[in-house]
Structure formats: C-alpha cells, structure tokens
Amino acid sequence: MYKLLILFSFGLFAHLSSIAQSKEDSLEKLFVVTTSMLNKSIVESTTYLQRKAQTDKTNATLYANLSSALDRITSLSFTCLNNLRKMMESPKNNNVVKGYLKEFRNYAYLLNQAVLSEKPENFRQTLVFVDEDLNLKYDGALASSSDQSPTLVKVHVRVFDSTGSRELAGYKVFIKPEKSVDPDLVEQLNPTIRAEKMILPGRKLIWIENKGVKIDQRTEGIRKSSVPPDPIDFVVKQ
C-alpha cells in the first residue's frame, strides 16, 4: 500500500506544479487539499493499525482484517480521485467534481476521528461506511471496466399523514452522508410537497423537521443509476 501512496504522491506533486499556471484554480486547489488530507489520514491509519497489532497480540487477527479493509479503500479512493482529475478537464463537470471532493475530504475527517478514538469498533464502522458509500457512488463499477463516471441522482422525499393516504406540505427535508462531521455536507430539499433534489449517491441520513423540531429520520443507500430511485416516504402522526 505504501508503494501505491508514493506513486500517487508523485502524480499529485506533478499536478500541483501545473496548478501554479492556472488562473481558475479553486477546484484544482480543492483537489490537491483533499487528496493530501486523505493520503495523510490513510498513512496515519496504517500506522495506528500496525501499532495496535504489535501491542495487542490477542486481537492480531482483528487488526489484520482492518488493515486489509483499509488497503481496499485506499485502492478504491485513489481510483476515484484519478477519475475526478480527468473530469476536471471539462468545466461542465465542476459542480459534480466539487461535491465528490468534499465527500472524500469527509472520509479523511472520519478516519482521523476513528484513529483518535482508539476504539477498533469505531474504525471498523468507518471503513464499512466508506466502502459502502464508494460502491453506491459508482454502482459497483470500481472493480470492473464499467462506467466509473461520477454523477448526481434525483431524490424525491414525501411526507404522509398517519393513514398514508394524504401527502403533507410544510415539512423541511434534510439529507447528508450517513457519517459526516462537515456541516457543509447537509443539504435541504424544498419544504413543500414533492421535495426533490439532485444529490450525490451514497449512504445517506435523511430527516424531516417541522417548526424546527426533528420528527423522524432514516438511512438510505442511494445508488448511482440511470433509473430514478423510488420515492422515500415518511409517515407522521398528527
């Protein structure tokens, strides 16, 4: 894995050199910052797992499994980042690329938190989330030659009364990655009937509010697909 990190770093530094030549480089800078943060968090996570494996012999198998999962996520993440870098050549992709980079930055935050917690279960849960989130974003295409282009998906959230027969207006709908520490990743859908929004695929936490009070929430796996997903329905008691 270290070889992979070193090779990616050389490509990153070469890319960084070209940034100095660009006038419109805000997206380029976000790419460099994000990849640097993720690279650093992966190295620190690897060091943490190696240290735990040496000091906690009774759980050596656990840490070996976590290391294997981290290696897989490292490979998937850098594959995705290389795809994003190619997409940056076309300005029409800027909004999609920016959204994906922010969520990769969130992966770095989550890995850092898991290391600081010193709890293997927290680390395992973080790796499971990142792995599932990546595969939902790319519809399992990362391990194949299928289409790996990032995209957005239209999400439709409805709120019904307790009978499930009448759709209710006035509820605010919010959505964010299921695990996140970045408030910028919280998105609000239209607070009306037929709340819709184009969002990034992935593991999402969705909740509804009324007059500032959270009424209900649920997690959903929003998959990249050419077919719009089914509406996400909430039923509330009145």
Protein backbone atom coordinates (compact mmCIF):
# COMPACT_ATOMS: atom_id res chain seq x y z
CA MET A 1 0.00 0.00 0.00
CA TYR A 2 2.88 2.38 0.73
CA LYS A 3 4.07 1.92 -2.86
CA LEU A 4 0.62 2.98 -4.02
CA LEU A 5 0.72 6.05 -1.78
CA ILE A 6 4.18 7.03 -3.00
CA LEU A 7 3.23 6.64 -6.67
CA PHE A 8 0.08 8.64 -6.15
CA SER A 9 2.07 11.34 -4.31
CA PHE A 10 4.44 11.75 -7.27
CA GLY A 11 1.44 12.25 -9.54
CA LEU A 12 -0.04 14.67 -7.04
CA PHE A 13 3.13 16.78 -6.87
CA ALA A 14 3.31 16.89 -10.67
CA HIS A 15 -0.30 18.01 -10.76
CA LEU A 16 0.41 20.62 -8.09
CA SER A 17 3.14 22.12 -10.28
CA SER A 18 0.66 22.66 -13.09
CA ILE A 19 -1.75 24.44 -10.77
CA ALA A 20 0.56 27.43 -10.49
CA GLN A 21 -0.05 28.03 -14.20
CA SER A 22 -3.83 28.17 -13.83
CA LYS A 23 -5.83 31.32 -13.17
CA GLU A 24 -9.05 29.50 -12.30
CA ASP A 25 -7.58 27.10 -9.79
CA SER A 26 -10.06 26.96 -6.91
CA LEU A 27 -11.24 23.50 -7.92
CA GLU A 28 -7.65 22.42 -8.53
CA LYS A 29 -6.70 23.57 -5.05
CA LEU A 30 -9.64 21.68 -3.55
CA PHE A 31 -8.44 18.57 -5.37
CA VAL A 32 -4.89 18.94 -4.04
CA VAL A 33 -6.02 19.69 -0.47
CA THR A 34 -8.47 16.79 -0.48
CA THR A 35 -6.02 14.23 -1.85
CA SER A 36 -3.33 15.42 0.57
CA MET A 37 -5.70 15.12 3.54
CA LEU A 38 -6.87 11.66 2.51
CA ASN A 39 -3.33 10.49 1.85
CA LYS A 40 -2.23 11.71 5.29
CA SER A 41 -5.19 10.12 7.07
CA ILE A 42 -4.56 6.77 5.36
CA VAL A 43 -0.88 6.80 6.35
CA GLU A 44 -1.80 7.66 9.95
CA SER A 45 -4.47 4.94 9.97
CA THR A 46 -1.94 2.38 8.71
CA THR A 47 0.50 3.40 11.44
CA TYR A 48 -2.25 3.11 14.05
CA LEU A 49 -3.21 -0.41 12.96
CA GLN A 50 0.41 -1.54 12.90
CA ARG A 51 0.96 -0.18 16.40
CA LYS A 52 -2.18 -1.86 17.75
CA ALA A 53 -1.23 -5.18 16.15
CA GLN A 54 2.13 -5.05 17.95
CA THR A 55 0.76 -4.04 21.36
CA ASP A 56 -2.44 -6.08 21.37
CA LYS A 57 -1.46 -9.59 20.32
CA THR A 58 -4.78 -11.10 21.39
CA ASN A 59 -6.56 -9.14 18.65
CA ALA A 60 -3.94 -9.58 15.93
CA THR A 61 -6.47 -11.12 13.54
CA LEU A 62 -8.85 -8.19 14.02
CA TYR A 63 -6.18 -5.65 13.12
CA ALA A 64 -5.04 -7.71 10.15
CA ASN A 65 -8.62 -7.69 8.83
CA LEU A 66 -8.90 -3.93 9.38
CA SER A 67 -5.61 -3.40 7.53
CA SER A 68 -6.92 -5.41 4.57
CA ALA A 69 -10.12 -3.35 4.53
CA LEU A 70 -8.07 -0.13 4.65
CA ASP A 71 -5.94 -1.33 1.72
CA ARG A 72 -9.10 -1.93 -0.32
CA ILE A 73 -10.46 1.53 0.49
CA THR A 74 -7.11 3.10 -0.39
CA SER A 75 -7.17 1.48 -3.82
CA LEU A 76 -10.82 2.42 -4.45
CA SER A 77 -10.32 6.01 -3.27
CA PHE A 78 -7.33 6.70 -5.48
CA THR A 79 -9.10 5.15 -8.47
CA CYS A 80 -11.98 7.53 -7.86
CA LEU A 81 -9.71 10.54 -7.40
CA ASN A 82 -7.91 9.83 -10.65
CA ASN A 83 -11.29 9.69 -12.40
CA LEU A 84 -12.24 13.03 -10.85
CA ARG A 85 -8.99 14.58 -12.00
CA LYS A 86 -9.81 13.56 -15.59
CA MET A 87 -13.31 15.03 -15.27
CA MET A 88 -11.84 18.37 -14.19
CA GLU A 89 -10.70 18.91 -17.77
CA SER A 90 -14.30 19.81 -18.64
CA PRO A 91 -15.78 22.86 -16.84
CA LYS A 92 -19.31 21.40 -17.13
CA ASN A 93 -18.31 18.79 -14.54
CA ASN A 94 -17.16 21.32 -11.92
CA ASN A 95 -20.17 21.11 -9.60
CA VAL A 96 -20.22 17.32 -9.57
CA VAL A 97 -16.47 17.08 -9.01
CA LYS A 98 -16.59 19.65 -6.21
CA GLY A 99 -19.30 17.68 -4.42
CA TYR A 100 -17.38 14.43 -4.68
CA LEU A 101 -14.17 16.04 -3.42
CA LYS A 102 -15.96 17.40 -0.36
CA GLU A 103 -17.18 13.90 0.48
CA PHE A 104 -13.67 12.47 0.03
CA ARG A 105 -12.49 15.14 2.44
CA ASN A 106 -15.14 13.84 4.84
CA TYR A 107 -13.58 10.36 4.57
CA ALA A 108 -10.30 11.87 5.78
CA TYR A 109 -12.05 13.51 8.74
CA LEU A 110 -13.78 10.24 9.66
CA LEU A 111 -10.54 8.21 9.52
CA ASN A 112 -8.83 10.77 11.73
CA GLN A 113 -11.66 10.55 14.25
CA ALA A 114 -11.51 6.76 14.25
CA VAL A 115 -7.76 6.80 14.96
CA LEU A 116 -8.18 9.33 17.78
CA SER A 117 -10.96 7.28 19.38
CA GLU A 118 -8.56 4.34 19.93
CA LYS A 119 -11.57 2.03 19.53
CA PRO A 120 -11.28 -0.74 16.91
CA GLU A 121 -15.07 -0.92 16.50
CA ASN A 122 -15.21 2.78 15.56
CA PHE A 123 -12.50 2.14 13.00
CA ARG A 124 -14.34 -0.88 11.58
CA GLN A 125 -17.61 1.06 11.28
CA THR A 126 -15.84 3.90 9.48
CA LEU A 127 -14.25 1.51 6.97
CA VAL A 128 -17.59 -0.21 6.35
CA PHE A 129 -19.26 3.14 5.69
CA VAL A 130 -16.57 4.37 3.29
CA ASP A 131 -16.57 1.08 1.38
CA GLU A 132 -20.37 1.00 1.02
CA ASP A 133 -20.53 4.71 0.19
CA LEU A 134 -17.97 4.38 -2.61
CA ASN A 135 -19.71 1.39 -4.16
CA LEU A 136 -23.07 3.16 -4.10
CA LYS A 137 -21.50 6.21 -5.74
CA TYR A 138 -20.05 4.13 -8.55
CA ASP A 139 -22.65 1.33 -8.64
CA GLY A 140 -20.01 -1.33 -8.05
CA ALA A 141 -18.09 -0.31 -11.20
CA LEU A 142 -14.82 0.41 -9.38
CA ALA A 143 -13.64 -3.18 -9.62
CA SER A 144 -14.52 -3.52 -13.30
CA SER A 145 -14.17 -1.73 -16.61
CA SER A 146 -17.72 -0.42 -16.37
CA ASP A 147 -18.66 3.24 -16.36
CA GLN A 148 -16.89 4.93 -13.44
CA SER A 149 -18.03 8.49 -14.17
CA PRO A 150 -19.41 10.32 -11.11
CA THR A 151 -22.96 11.61 -11.43
CA LEU A 152 -25.90 13.02 -9.49
CA VAL A 153 -29.16 11.27 -8.63
CA LYS A 154 -32.60 12.85 -8.20
CA VAL A 155 -34.04 12.11 -4.75
CA HIS A 156 -37.75 12.51 -4.08
CA VAL A 157 -38.96 12.62 -0.45
CA ARG A 158 -42.62 12.56 0.56
CA VAL A 159 -44.32 13.04 3.93
CA PHE A 160 -47.71 11.39 4.55
CA ASP A 161 -50.26 11.52 7.35
CA SER A 162 -50.76 8.55 9.67
CA THR A 163 -53.13 6.86 7.21
CA GLY A 164 -50.56 7.03 4.44
CA SER A 165 -53.17 8.44 2.07
CA ARG A 166 -52.56 12.20 2.21
CA GLU A 167 -49.26 13.89 1.41
CA LEU A 168 -48.41 16.70 3.81
CA ALA A 169 -46.87 20.07 2.99
CA GLY A 170 -44.67 22.30 5.11
CA TYR A 171 -42.11 19.77 6.34
CA LYS A 172 -38.45 20.55 5.84
CA VAL A 173 -36.34 17.70 4.49
CA PHE A 174 -32.60 17.43 5.12
CA ILE A 175 -30.02 14.98 3.82
CA LYS A 176 -26.32 14.34 4.43
CA PRO A 177 -23.82 11.46 4.33
CA GLU A 178 -24.75 8.87 6.95
CA LYS A 179 -21.42 9.50 8.68
CA SER A 180 -20.08 13.03 8.43
CA VAL A 181 -18.52 15.77 10.54
CA ASP A 182 -18.74 18.56 7.97
CA PRO A 183 -21.84 20.82 8.30
CA ASP A 184 -21.35 21.92 4.67
CA LEU A 185 -22.49 18.45 3.59
CA VAL A 186 -26.02 19.00 4.95
CA GLU A 187 -28.45 19.73 2.10
CA GLN A 188 -32.05 20.89 2.36
CA LEU A 189 -34.78 19.84 -0.04
CA ASN A 190 -37.73 22.06 -0.90
CA PRO A 191 -40.00 22.30 2.20
CA THR A 192 -43.10 21.53 0.14
CA ILE A 193 -44.95 18.61 -1.33
CA ARG A 194 -42.78 16.68 -3.79
CA ALA A 195 -39.46 17.68 -2.23
CA GLU A 196 -36.78 16.84 -4.79
CA LYS A 197 -33.07 17.47 -5.23
CA MET A 198 -30.16 16.25 -7.32
CA ILE A 199 -27.62 14.79 -4.89
CA LEU A 200 -24.52 12.62 -4.83
CA PRO A 201 -25.21 8.88 -4.45
CA GLY A 202 -24.03 7.13 -1.29
CA ARG A 203 -25.06 6.17 2.23
CA LYS A 204 -27.35 8.98 3.37
CA LEU A 205 -29.07 10.10 6.56
CA ILE A 206 -32.40 11.75 5.76
CA TRP A 207 -34.60 13.51 8.27
CA ILE A 208 -37.69 15.71 8.37
CA GLU A 209 -38.41 18.71 10.59
CA ASN A 210 -41.50 20.73 11.42
CA LYS A 211 -41.13 24.15 13.04
CA GLY A 212 -37.51 23.41 13.87
CA VAL A 213 -38.24 20.07 15.58
CA LYS A 214 -36.87 16.83 14.16
CA ILE A 215 -39.81 14.50 13.56
CA ASP A 216 -38.21 11.40 12.07
CA GLN A 217 -35.06 10.15 10.34
CA ARG A 218 -33.81 7.16 8.38
CA THR A 219 -30.76 5.94 6.49
CA GLU A 220 -30.87 5.09 2.81
CA GLY A 221 -28.46 3.71 0.27
CA ILE A 222 -28.80 5.98 -2.78
CA ARG A 223 -27.24 4.15 -5.71
CA LYS A 224 -25.86 5.62 -8.93
CA SER A 225 -28.32 4.54 -11.61
CA SER A 226 -29.87 5.70 -14.87
CA VAL A 227 -33.26 4.90 -13.33
CA PRO A 228 -34.55 7.36 -10.67
CA PRO A 229 -34.87 5.67 -7.26
CA ASP A 230 -38.26 5.10 -5.67
CA PRO A 231 -39.60 7.97 -3.53
CA ILE A 232 -38.51 7.99 0.10
CA ASP A 233 -41.64 8.16 2.23
CA PHE A 234 -42.16 9.26 5.83
CA VAL A 235 -45.40 8.69 7.73
CA VAL A 236 -46.07 11.00 10.68
CA LYS A 237 -48.65 11.03 13.44
CA GLN A 238 -50.72 14.20 13.73
